[in-house]
Protein backbone atom coordinates (compact mmCIF):
# COMPACT_ATOMS: atom_id res chain seq x y z
CA UNK A 1 -20.13 6.18 -8.12
CA UNK A 2 -23.32 7.26 -6.15
CA UNK A 3 -21.92 6.64 -2.81
CA UNK A 4 -19.18 9.50 -3.53
CA UNK A 5 -20.55 12.22 -1.04
CA UNK A 6 -20.95 9.38 1.75
CA UNK A 7 -17.58 7.98 1.92
CA UNK A 8 -15.65 10.90 0.57
CA UNK A 9 -12.29 10.96 2.68
CA UNK A 10 -12.28 7.30 3.55
CA UNK A 11 -11.13 6.10 0.19
CA UNK A 12 -8.04 8.52 -0.05
CA UNK A 13 -6.85 7.40 3.35
CA UNK A 14 -7.30 3.55 2.53
CA UNK A 15 -5.49 4.16 -0.87
CA UNK A 16 -2.54 6.14 1.06
CA UNK A 17 -2.33 3.24 3.76
CA UNK A 18 -2.54 0.59 1.07
CA UNK A 19 0.17 2.17 -1.04
CA UNK A 20 2.51 2.59 1.98
CA UNK A 21 1.96 -1.03 3.17
CA UNK A 22 2.45 -2.54 -0.15
CA UNK A 23 5.68 -0.41 -0.69
CA UNK A 24 7.09 -1.47 2.81
CA UNK A 25 6.00 -5.24 2.01
CA UNK A 26 7.67 -4.97 -1.55
CA UNK A 27 10.99 -3.37 -0.21
CA UNK A 28 11.12 -6.01 2.69
CA UNK A 29 10.92 -8.96 -0.03
CA UNK A 30 13.35 -7.06 -2.39
CA UNK A 31 15.96 -7.02 0.64
CA UNK A 32 15.16 -10.57 1.74
CA UNK A 33 15.69 -11.71 -1.95
CA UNK A 34 19.13 -9.58 -2.18
CA UNK A 35 20.33 -11.13 1.22
CA UNK A 36 19.46 -14.67 0.19
CA UNK A 37 20.68 -14.74 -3.32
CA UNK A 38 23.73 -12.32 -2.79
């Protein structure tokens, strides 16, 4: 990656925010599925 030094702290925060948001969405979907089917 040639643009490593230019955008160094940005991808880390993006990965953390994406992982947290994806985890929240997945857990909400799992809870909805459990509530609907059980």
